[in-house]
C-alpha atoms as a PDB file:
ATOM      1  CA  UNK A   1      80.264  98.320  43.085  1.00  0.00           C
ATOM      2  CA  UNK A   2      83.265  95.993  41.617  1.00  0.00           C
ATOM      3  CA  UNK A   3      84.116  98.512  38.891  1.00  0.00           C
ATOM      4  CA  UNK A   4      84.805 101.354  41.585  1.00  0.00           C
ATOM      5  CA  UNK A   5      87.174  99.050  43.311  1.00  0.00           C
ATOM      6  CA  UNK A   6      88.948  97.978  40.011  1.00  0.00           C
ATOM      7  CA  UNK A   7      89.081 101.608  39.213  1.00  0.00           C
ATOM      8  CA  UNK A   8      90.482 102.458  42.609  1.00  0.00           C
ATOM      9  CA  UNK A   9      93.183  99.391  42.502  1.00  0.00           C
ATOM     10  CA  UNK A  10      94.301 100.118  39.153  1.00  0.00           C
ATOM     11  CA  UNK A  11      95.204 103.820  40.188  1.00  0.00           C
ATOM     12  CA  UNK A  12      97.094 102.407  42.961  1.00  0.00           C
ATOM     13  CA  UNK A  13      99.025 100.207  40.548  1.00  0.00           C
ATOM     14  CA  UNK A  14      99.738 103.241  38.180  1.00  0.00           C
ATOM     15  CA  UNK A  15     100.675 105.279  40.920  1.00  0.00           C
ATOM     16  CA  UNK A  16     103.395 102.811  42.408  1.00  0.00           C
ATOM     17  CA  UNK A  17     104.749 102.519  38.805  1.00  0.00           C
ATOM     18  CA  UNK A  18     105.181 106.118  38.941  1.00  0.00           C
ATOM     19  CA  UNK A  19     106.591 105.667  42.444  1.00  0.00           C
ATOM     20  CA  UNK A  20     109.258 103.065  40.945  1.00  0.00           C
ATOM     21  CA  UNK A  21     110.137 105.348  38.219  1.00  0.00           C
ATOM     22  CA  UNK A  22     111.262 108.071  40.459  1.00  0.00           C
ATOM     23  CA  UNK A  23     113.001 105.719  42.729  1.00  0.00           C
ATOM     24  CA  UNK A  24     114.883 104.290  39.569  1.00  0.00           C
ATOM     25  CA  UNK A  25     115.962 107.672  38.696  1.00  0.00           C
ATOM     26  CA  UNK A  26     117.329 108.341  42.152  1.00  0.00           C
ATOM     27  CA  UNK A  27     119.511 105.081  41.886  1.00  0.00           C
ATOM     28  CA  UNK A  28     120.590 105.647  38.432  1.00  0.00           C
ATOM     29  CA  UNK A  29     122.187 109.029  39.439  1.00  0.00           C
ATOM     30  CA  UNK A  30     123.848 108.098  42.748  1.00  0.00           C
ATOM     31  CA  UNK A  31     126.975 108.980  41.176  1.00  0.00           C
ATOM     32  CA  UNK A  32     125.972 112.242  39.570  1.00  0.00           C
ATOM     33  CA  UNK A  33     127.423 115.442  40.927  1.00  0.00           C
ATOM     34  CA  UNK A  34     125.205 117.455  43.226  1.00  0.00           C
ATOM     35  CA  UNK A  35     122.371 115.333  42.092  1.00  0.00           C
ATOM     36  CA  UNK A  36     119.327 115.793  44.374  1.00  0.00           C
ATOM     37  CA  UNK A  37     116.817 112.973  44.897  1.00  0.00           C
ATOM     38  CA  UNK A  38     113.417 113.111  44.026  1.00  0.00           C
ATOM     39  CA  UNK A  39     110.440 111.978  45.814  1.00  0.00           C
ATOM     40  CA  UNK A  40     107.070 111.187  44.465  1.00  0.00           C
ATOM     41  CA  UNK A  41     103.969 112.766  46.554  1.00  0.00           C
ATOM     42  CA  UNK A  42     100.214 111.318  46.169  1.00  0.00           C
ATOM     43  CA  UNK A  43      96.667 112.418  46.518  1.00  0.00           C
ATOM     44  CA  UNK A  44      93.363 110.682  47.326  1.00  0.00           C
ATOM     45  CA  UNK A  45      90.728 110.939  44.507  1.00  0.00           C
ATOM     46  CA  UNK A  46      87.351 112.188  44.754  1.00  0.00           C
ATOM     47  CA  UNK A  47      84.931 110.595  47.159  1.00  0.00           C
ATOM     48  CA  UNK A  48      81.462 109.434  46.397  1.00  0.00           C
ATOM     49  CA  UNK A  49      78.629 109.092  49.216  1.00  0.00           C
ATOM     50  CA  UNK A  50      76.578 105.794  48.837  1.00  0.00           C
ATOM     51  CA  UNK A  51      73.839 104.501  51.004  1.00  0.00           C
ATOM     52  CA  UNK A  52      75.153 102.509  53.875  1.00  0.00           C
ATOM     53  CA  UNK A  53      72.432  99.732  53.481  1.00  0.00           C
ATOM     54  CA  UNK A  54      71.846  99.480  49.737  1.00  0.00           C
ATOM     55  CA  UNK A  55      68.841  97.088  50.005  1.00  0.00           C
ATOM     56  CA  UNK A  56      67.028 100.247  50.954  1.00  0.00           C
ATOM     57  CA  UNK A  57      67.500 102.082  47.866  1.00  0.00           C
ATOM     58  CA  UNK A  58      67.445 101.226  44.266  1.00  0.00           C
ATOM     59  CA  UNK A  59      69.543 104.207  43.404  1.00  0.00           C
ATOM     60  CA  UNK A  60      73.169 104.647  44.757  1.00  0.00           C
ATOM     61  CA  UNK A  61      73.656 107.640  46.663  1.00  0.00           C
ATOM     62  CA  UNK A  62      70.129 108.118  47.539  1.00  0.00           C
ATOM     63  CA  UNK A  63      68.986 107.408  51.183  1.00  0.00           C
ATOM     64  CA  UNK A  64      65.630 105.888  52.442  1.00  0.00           C
ATOM     65  CA  UNK A  65      64.192 104.935  55.655  1.00  0.00           C
ATOM     66  CA  UNK A  66      66.582 106.986  57.683  1.00  0.00           C
ATOM     67  CA  UNK A  67      69.989 104.990  56.620  1.00  0.00           C
ATOM     68  CA  UNK A  68      73.077 107.044  56.588  1.00  0.00           C
ATOM     69  CA  UNK A  69      75.520 107.459  53.947  1.00  0.00           C
ATOM     70  CA  UNK A  70      79.337 106.435  53.749  1.00  0.00           C
ATOM     71  CA  UNK A  71      82.063 107.708  51.598  1.00  0.00           C
ATOM     72  CA  UNK A  72      83.915 105.600  49.293  1.00  0.00           C
ATOM     73  CA  UNK A  73      87.143 106.761  47.648  1.00  0.00           C
ATOM     74  CA  UNK A  74      88.002 106.451  44.170  1.00  0.00           C
ATOM     75  CA  UNK A  75      91.676 105.820  44.538  1.00  0.00           C
ATOM     76  CA  UNK A  76      94.981 107.761  44.310  1.00  0.00           C
ATOM     77  CA  UNK A  77      97.094 109.834  42.033  1.00  0.00           C
ATOM     78  CA  UNK A  78     100.274 111.142  41.695  1.00  0.00           C
ATOM     79  CA  UNK A  79     100.318 114.972  42.599  1.00  0.00           C
ATOM     80  CA  UNK A  80     103.806 115.829  42.073  1.00  0.00           C
ATOM     81  CA  UNK A  81     107.617 115.202  42.550  1.00  0.00           C
ATOM     82  CA  UNK A  82     109.399 117.105  44.781  1.00  0.00           C
ATOM     83  CA  UNK A  83     113.405 117.754  44.975  1.00  0.00           C
ATOM     84  CA  UNK A  84     114.950 117.280  48.208  1.00  0.00           C
ATOM     85  CA  UNK A  85     117.920 119.682  48.736  1.00  0.00           C
ATOM     86  CA  UNK A  86     119.761 117.799  51.222  1.00  0.00           C
ATOM     87  CA  UNK A  87     123.227 118.669  51.612  1.00  0.00           C
ATOM     88  CA  UNK A  88     125.438 115.981  49.826  1.00  0.00           C
ATOM     89  CA  UNK A  89     128.793 114.817  50.860  1.00  0.00           C
ATOM     90  CA  UNK A  90     131.921 116.720  50.107  1.00  0.00           C
ATOM     91  CA  UNK A  91     134.140 114.844  47.744  1.00  0.00           C
ATOM     92  CA  UNK A  92     137.665 115.868  47.665  1.00  0.00           C
ATOM     93  CA  UNK A  93     139.257 116.215  44.135  1.00  0.00           C
ATOM     94  CA  UNK A  94     142.271 118.883  44.423  1.00  0.00           C
ATOM     95  CA  UNK A  95     141.352 120.081  41.179  1.00  0.00           C
ATOM     96  CA  UNK A  96     141.499 123.847  41.291  1.00  0.00           C
ATOM     97  CA  UNK A  97     138.375 124.655  39.027  1.00  0.00           C
ATOM     98  CA  UNK A  98     136.141 122.199  41.189  1.00  0.00           C
ATOM     99  CA  UNK A  99     134.111 124.190  43.539  1.00  0.00           C
ATOM    100  CA  UNK A 100     131.586 122.598  46.167  1.00  0.00           C
ATOM    101  CA  UNK A 101     128.881 124.696  48.192  1.00  0.00           C
ATOM    102  CA  UNK A 102     128.576 123.919  51.752  1.00  0.00           C
ATOM    103  CA  UNK A 103     125.221 125.397  52.731  1.00  0.00           C
ATOM    104  CA  UNK A 104     122.493 127.196  50.868  1.00  0.00           C
ATOM    105  CA  UNK A 105     122.680 128.678  47.359  1.00  0.00           C
ATOM    106  CA  UNK A 106     123.231 127.953  43.897  1.00  0.00           C
ATOM    107  CA  UNK A 107     126.034 128.896  41.310  1.00  0.00           C
ATOM    108  CA  UNK A 108     124.271 131.252  38.669  1.00  0.00           C
ATOM    109  CA  UNK A 109     125.169 130.413  35.032  1.00  0.00           C
ATOM    110  CA  UNK A 110     124.161 132.045  31.786  1.00  0.00           C
ATOM    111  CA  UNK A 111     122.798 130.322  28.870  1.00  0.00           C
ATOM    112  CA  UNK A 112     123.589 131.272  25.114  1.00  0.00           C
ATOM    113  CA  UNK A 113     119.959 132.708  24.919  1.00  0.00           C
ATOM    114  CA  UNK A 114     120.969 135.245  27.871  1.00  0.00           C
ATOM    115  CA  UNK A 115     118.714 133.355  30.114  1.00  0.00           C
ATOM    116  CA  UNK A 116     120.074 131.988  33.444  1.00  0.00           C
ATOM    117  CA  UNK A 117     119.908 128.719  35.030  1.00  0.00           C
ATOM    118  CA  UNK A 118     121.181 127.635  38.391  1.00  0.00           C
ATOM    119  CA  UNK A 119     123.352 124.685  39.400  1.00  0.00           C
ATOM    120  CA  UNK A 120     125.203 123.272  42.303  1.00  0.00           C
ATOM    121  CA  UNK A 121     127.468 121.414  40.301  1.00  0.00           C
ATOM    122  CA  UNK A 122     130.822 123.151  40.539  1.00  0.00           C
ATOM    123  CA  UNK A 123     132.922 121.117  37.951  1.00  0.00           C
ATOM    124  CA  UNK A 124     133.837 124.093  36.215  1.00  0.00           C
ATOM    125  CA  UNK A 125     136.218 124.061  33.051  1.00  0.00           C
ATOM    126  CA  UNK A 126     137.916 126.890  30.849  1.00  0.00           C
ATOM    127  CA  UNK A 127     136.344 127.581  27.683  1.00  0.00           C
ATOM    128  CA  UNK A 128     138.591 128.383  24.381  1.00  0.00           C
ATOM    129  CA  UNK A 129     137.860 131.869  24.786  1.00  0.00           C
ATOM    130  CA  UNK A 130     139.133 131.781  28.537  1.00  0.00           C
ATOM    131  CA  UNK A 131     135.711 131.958  30.296  1.00  0.00           C
ATOM    132  CA  UNK A 132     135.120 129.617  33.443  1.00  0.00           C
ATOM    133  CA  UNK A 133     132.163 127.692  32.171  1.00  0.00           C
ATOM    134  CA  UNK A 134     130.217 124.518  33.144  1.00  0.00           C
ATOM    135  CA  UNK A 135     130.674 121.067  31.556  1.00  0.00           C
ATOM    136  CA  UNK A 136     127.685 122.125  29.516  1.00  0.00           C
ATOM    137  CA  UNK A 137     129.426 125.320  28.339  1.00  0.00           C
ATOM    138  CA  UNK A 138     127.397 127.753  30.370  1.00  0.00           C
ATOM    139  CA  UNK A 139     129.365 130.713  31.557  1.00  0.00           C
ATOM    140  CA  UNK A 140     129.618 131.002  35.317  1.00  0.00           C
ATOM    141  CA  UNK A 141     128.167 134.760  36.473  1.00  0.00           C
ATOM    142  CA  UNK A 142     129.482 137.534  36.754  1.00  0.00           C
ATOM    143  CA  UNK A 143     131.929 136.150  34.079  1.00  0.00           C
ATOM    144  CA  UNK A 144     135.941 135.532  34.552  1.00  0.00           C
ATOM    145  CA  UNK A 145     138.390 135.515  32.079  1.00  0.00           C
ATOM    146  CA  UNK A 146     141.485 133.513  32.286  1.00  0.00           C
ATOM    147  CA  UNK A 147     144.732 134.672  30.371  1.00  0.00           C
ATOM    148  CA  UNK A 148     147.157 132.184  28.840  1.00  0.00           C
ATOM    149  CA  UNK A 149     149.606 133.844  31.606  1.00  0.00           C
ATOM    150  CA  UNK A 150     147.663 131.989  34.454  1.00  0.00           C
ATOM    151  CA  UNK A 151     149.634 129.687  36.663  1.00  0.00           C
ATOM    152  CA  UNK A 152     147.097 129.201  39.581  1.00  0.00           C
ATOM    153  CA  UNK A 153     143.713 130.076  40.138  1.00  0.00           C
ATOM    154  CA  UNK A 154     142.390 130.507  43.761  1.00  0.00           C
ATOM    155  CA  UNK A 155     138.824 130.644  44.957  1.00  0.00           C
ATOM    156  CA  UNK A 156     138.311 131.665  48.459  1.00  0.00           C
ATOM    157  CA  UNK A 157     135.283 130.431  50.843  1.00  0.00           C
ATOM    158  CA  UNK A 158     133.496 133.950  50.473  1.00  0.00           C
ATOM    159  CA  UNK A 159     133.782 133.830  46.541  1.00  0.00           C
ATOM    160  CA  UNK A 160     136.663 135.955  45.625  1.00  0.00           C
ATOM    161  CA  UNK A 161     138.440 134.753  42.536  1.00  0.00           C
ATOM    162  CA  UNK A 162     142.038 135.414  41.833  1.00  0.00           C
ATOM    163  CA  UNK A 163     144.812 134.470  39.438  1.00  0.00           C
ATOM    164  CA  UNK A 164     148.683 134.010  40.090  1.00  0.00           C
ATOM    165  CA  UNK A 165     150.493 134.611  36.589  1.00  0.00           C
ATOM    166  CA  UNK A 166     153.763 132.837  35.827  1.00  0.00           C
ATOM    167  CA  UNK A 167     155.583 136.103  36.476  1.00  0.00           C
ATOM    168  CA  UNK A 168     154.299 135.856  40.130  1.00  0.00           C
ATOM    169  CA  UNK A 169     151.801 138.869  39.728  1.00  0.00           C
ATOM    170  CA  UNK A 170     148.255 138.181  41.473  1.00  0.00           C
ATOM    171  CA  UNK A 171     145.242 139.514  39.931  1.00  0.00           C
ATOM    172  CA  UNK A 172     141.859 139.477  41.445  1.00  0.00           C
ATOM    173  CA  UNK A 173     139.060 138.963  38.921  1.00  0.00           C
ATOM    174  CA  UNK A 174     135.939 139.700  41.249  1.00  0.00           C
ATOM    175  CA  UNK A 175     133.491 137.586  43.230  1.00  0.00           C
ATOM    176  CA  UNK A 176     131.411 134.684  42.589  1.00  0.00           C
ATOM    177  CA  UNK A 177     127.708 135.316  43.941  1.00  0.00           C
ATOM    178  CA  UNK A 178     125.302 132.635  44.913  1.00  0.00           C
ATOM    179  CA  UNK A 179     121.564 132.593  44.512  1.00  0.00           C
ATOM    180  CA  UNK A 180     118.972 130.982  46.633  1.00  0.00           C
ATOM    181  CA  UNK A 181     115.581 131.069  46.641  1.00  0.00           C
ATOM    182  CA  UNK A 182     112.493 130.978  49.024  1.00  0.00           C
ATOM    183  CA  UNK A 183     111.062 127.792  47.920  1.00  0.00           C
ATOM    184  CA  UNK A 184     114.044 125.740  46.287  1.00  0.00           C
ATOM    185  CA  UNK A 185     111.945 122.844  45.757  1.00  0.00           C
ATOM    186  CA  UNK A 186     109.803 124.718  43.302  1.00  0.00           C
ATOM    187  CA  UNK A 187     112.662 124.921  40.616  1.00  0.00           C
ATOM    188  CA  UNK A 188     112.426 123.160  37.497  1.00  0.00           C
ATOM    189  CA  UNK A 189     114.803 120.641  36.754  1.00  0.00           C
ATOM    190  CA  UNK A 190     116.138 121.368  33.181  1.00  0.00           C
ATOM    191  CA  UNK A 191     118.665 118.264  33.170  1.00  0.00           C
ATOM    192  CA  UNK A 192     122.293 118.430  33.055  1.00  0.00           C
ATOM    193  CA  UNK A 193     122.351 119.370  36.716  1.00  0.00           C
ATOM    194  CA  UNK A 194     120.626 122.775  35.862  1.00  0.00           C
ATOM    195  CA  UNK A 195     117.348 124.276  37.412  1.00  0.00           C
ATOM    196  CA  UNK A 196     115.230 127.144  36.167  1.00  0.00           C
ATOM    197  CA  UNK A 197     113.446 129.762  38.178  1.00  0.00           C
ATOM    198  CA  UNK A 198     109.557 129.294  38.302  1.00  0.00           C
ATOM    199  CA  UNK A 199     106.658 131.211  40.096  1.00  0.00           C
ATOM    200  CA  UNK A 200     106.688 128.481  42.551  1.00  0.00           C
ATOM    201  CA  UNK A 201     110.270 128.714  43.505  1.00  0.00           C
ATOM    202  CA  UNK A 202     110.264 132.779  43.574  1.00  0.00           C
ATOM    203  CA  UNK A 203     113.039 135.018  42.078  1.00  0.00           C
ATOM    204  CA  UNK A 204     116.576 134.476  42.893  1.00  0.00           C
ATOM    205  CA  UNK A 205     118.207 136.201  45.989  1.00  0.00           C
ATOM    206  CA  UNK A 206     121.631 136.892  45.165  1.00  0.00           C
ATOM    207  CA  UNK A 207     124.637 137.300  47.870  1.00  0.00           C
ATOM    208  CA  UNK A 208     127.983 136.576  48.643  1.00  0.00           C
ATOM    209  CA  UNK A 209     129.106 133.257  49.817  1.00  0.00           C
ATOM    210  CA  UNK A 210     129.488 132.651  53.629  1.00  0.00           C
ATOM    211  CA  UNK A 211     127.399 135.646  54.451  1.00  0.00           C
ATOM    212  CA  UNK A 212     123.574 136.197  55.219  1.00  0.00           C
ATOM    213  CA  UNK A 213     122.780 132.543  55.388  1.00  0.00           C
ATOM    214  CA  UNK A 214     124.482 131.766  52.165  1.00  0.00           C
ATOM    215  CA  UNK A 215     126.667 128.572  51.938  1.00  0.00           C
ATOM    216  CA  UNK A 216     130.610 128.720  51.626  1.00  0.00           C
ATOM    217  CA  UNK A 217     132.609 127.742  48.757  1.00  0.00           C
ATOM    218  CA  UNK A 218     135.150 125.068  48.840  1.00  0.00           C
ATOM    219  CA  UNK A 219     137.821 124.997  45.966  1.00  0.00           C
ATOM    220  CA  UNK A 220     139.280 121.401  45.381  1.00  0.00           C
ATOM    221  CA  UNK A 221     135.723 119.480  46.368  1.00  0.00           C
ATOM    222  CA  UNK A 222     132.664 118.543  44.706  1.00  0.00           C
ATOM    223  CA  UNK A 223     129.130 117.969  46.444  1.00  0.00           C
ATOM    224  CA  UNK A 224     128.511 114.249  46.046  1.00  0.00           C
ATOM    225  CA  UNK A 225     124.631 112.924  45.201  1.00  0.00           C
ATOM    226  CA  UNK A 226     122.362 112.898  48.102  1.00  0.00           C
ATOM    227  CA  UNK A 227     120.875 109.604  47.359  1.00  0.00           C
ATOM    228  CA  UNK A 228     120.932 107.012  50.006  1.00  0.00           C
ATOM    229  CA  UNK A 229     120.931 103.772  48.370  1.00  0.00           C
ATOM    230  CA  UNK A 230     119.645 101.813  51.547  1.00  0.00           C
ATOM    231  CA  UNK A 231     116.731 104.281  51.799  1.00  0.00           C
ATOM    232  CA  UNK A 232     115.990 103.832  47.774  1.00  0.00           C
ATOM    233  CA  UNK A 233     116.247 100.032  48.268  1.00  0.00           C
ATOM    234  CA  UNK A 234     113.616 100.275  51.161  1.00  0.00           C
ATOM    235  CA  UNK A 235     111.385 102.558  49.419  1.00  0.00           C
ATOM    236  CA  UNK A 236     111.493 100.437  45.980  1.00  0.00           C
ATOM    237  CA  UNK A 237     110.813  97.255  48.294  1.00  0.00           C
ATOM    238  CA  UNK A 238     107.591  99.114  49.739  1.00  0.00           C
ATOM    239  CA  UNK A 239     106.482 100.125  46.268  1.00  0.00           C
ATOM    240  CA  UNK A 240     106.889  96.676  44.939  1.00  0.00           C
ATOM    241  CA  UNK A 241     104.695  95.133  47.732  1.00  0.00           C
ATOM    242  CA  UNK A 242     101.913  98.046  47.511  1.00  0.00           C
ATOM    243  CA  UNK A 243     101.930  97.355  43.495  1.00  0.00           C
ATOM    244  CA  UNK A 244     101.528  93.725  44.212  1.00  0.00           C
ATOM    245  CA  UNK A 245      98.792  93.965  46.763  1.00  0.00           C
ATOM    246  CA  UNK A 246      96.851  96.272  44.405  1.00  0.00           C
ATOM    247  CA  UNK A 247      97.224  93.509  41.548  1.00  0.00           C
ATOM    248  CA  UNK A 248      95.836  91.081  44.021  1.00  0.00           C
ATOM    249  CA  UNK A 249      92.826  93.459  44.740  1.00  0.00           C
ATOM    250  CA  UNK A 250      92.201  93.200  41.069  1.00  0.00           C
ATOM    251  CA  UNK A 251      92.312  89.515  41.219  1.00  0.00           C
ATOM    252  CA  UNK A 252      89.906  89.599  43.925  1.00  0.00           C
ATOM    253  CA  UNK A 253      87.140  91.855  42.474  1.00  0.00           C
ATOM    254  CA  UNK A 254      87.471  89.264  39.477  1.00  0.00           C
ATOM    255  CA  UNK A 255      86.666  86.461  41.408  1.00  0.00           C
ATOM    256  CA  UNK A 256      83.940  88.075  43.163  1.00  0.00           C
ATOM    257  CA  UNK A 257      82.453  88.862  39.889  1.00  0.00           C
ATOM    258  CA  UNK A 258      82.933  85.493  38.858  1.00  0.00           C
ATOM    259  CA  UNK A 259      81.149  83.988  41.831  1.00  0.00           C
ATOM    260  CA  UNK A 260      78.162  86.478  41.177  1.00  0.00           C
ATOM    261  CA  UNK A 261      77.857  85.371  37.598  1.00  0.00           C
ATOM    262  CA  UNK A 262      77.757  81.711  38.863  1.00  0.00           C
ATOM    263  CA  UNK A 263      74.977  82.507  41.326  1.00  0.00           C
ATOM    264  CA  UNK A 264      72.949  84.007  38.382  1.00  0.00           C
ATOM    265  CA  UNK A 265      73.446  80.941  36.292  1.00  0.00           C
ATOM    266  CA  UNK A 266      72.440  78.656  39.229  1.00  0.00           C
END
């Protein structure tokens, strides 16, 4: 039936539109610190059984004279978008509050409402009250206070945070712990380089950096976006071609209907 073909082609055009939007977001965030690219995933729609030889049946799907049925699909739908947590390049900044994670894990930060969020963006700042916070003002767990006498902040690969004061005294503040998840692709993206725990991701597993499969910390570095511009351009061209061929399918069905109408007039 032409209407089935029109709906299938239209669903294909809509799916590729979503695909282009995902790709556009990836490209827009090519310079976003620790950004993880998205990938659109698709599923085929339900199938309908129709008679292989419609001349032997006046009702679609009813088989007569021993004819077999065939399955005809209804099109496609976007099932989800998945975050690809591939390691980004390490970019040296030499800023003492820039910290990159090399390997698995997320920084755990506390939001103003007391809930936790997770990020790989280690471009930290010092708040007015001396706390180490993200660029959005979220406190880095387990909480560190920097005094006015601090001359240097040191963060080791295994997460130990220490201060060197103007007097030369060294003070250890504690350890940064990392969180990892059984299924990080199931995390909910909140924007501002933040993620939230979901049932799909599972609860956070806390641990010390550079141990038990957790990544190590690198002070003076930031993790770059993992978007590959060449790969995104190829994906965009493929999506554009798929959209174009689906639109041609719509035009072809329209031409077939025009021919059928002309036959009736003849």
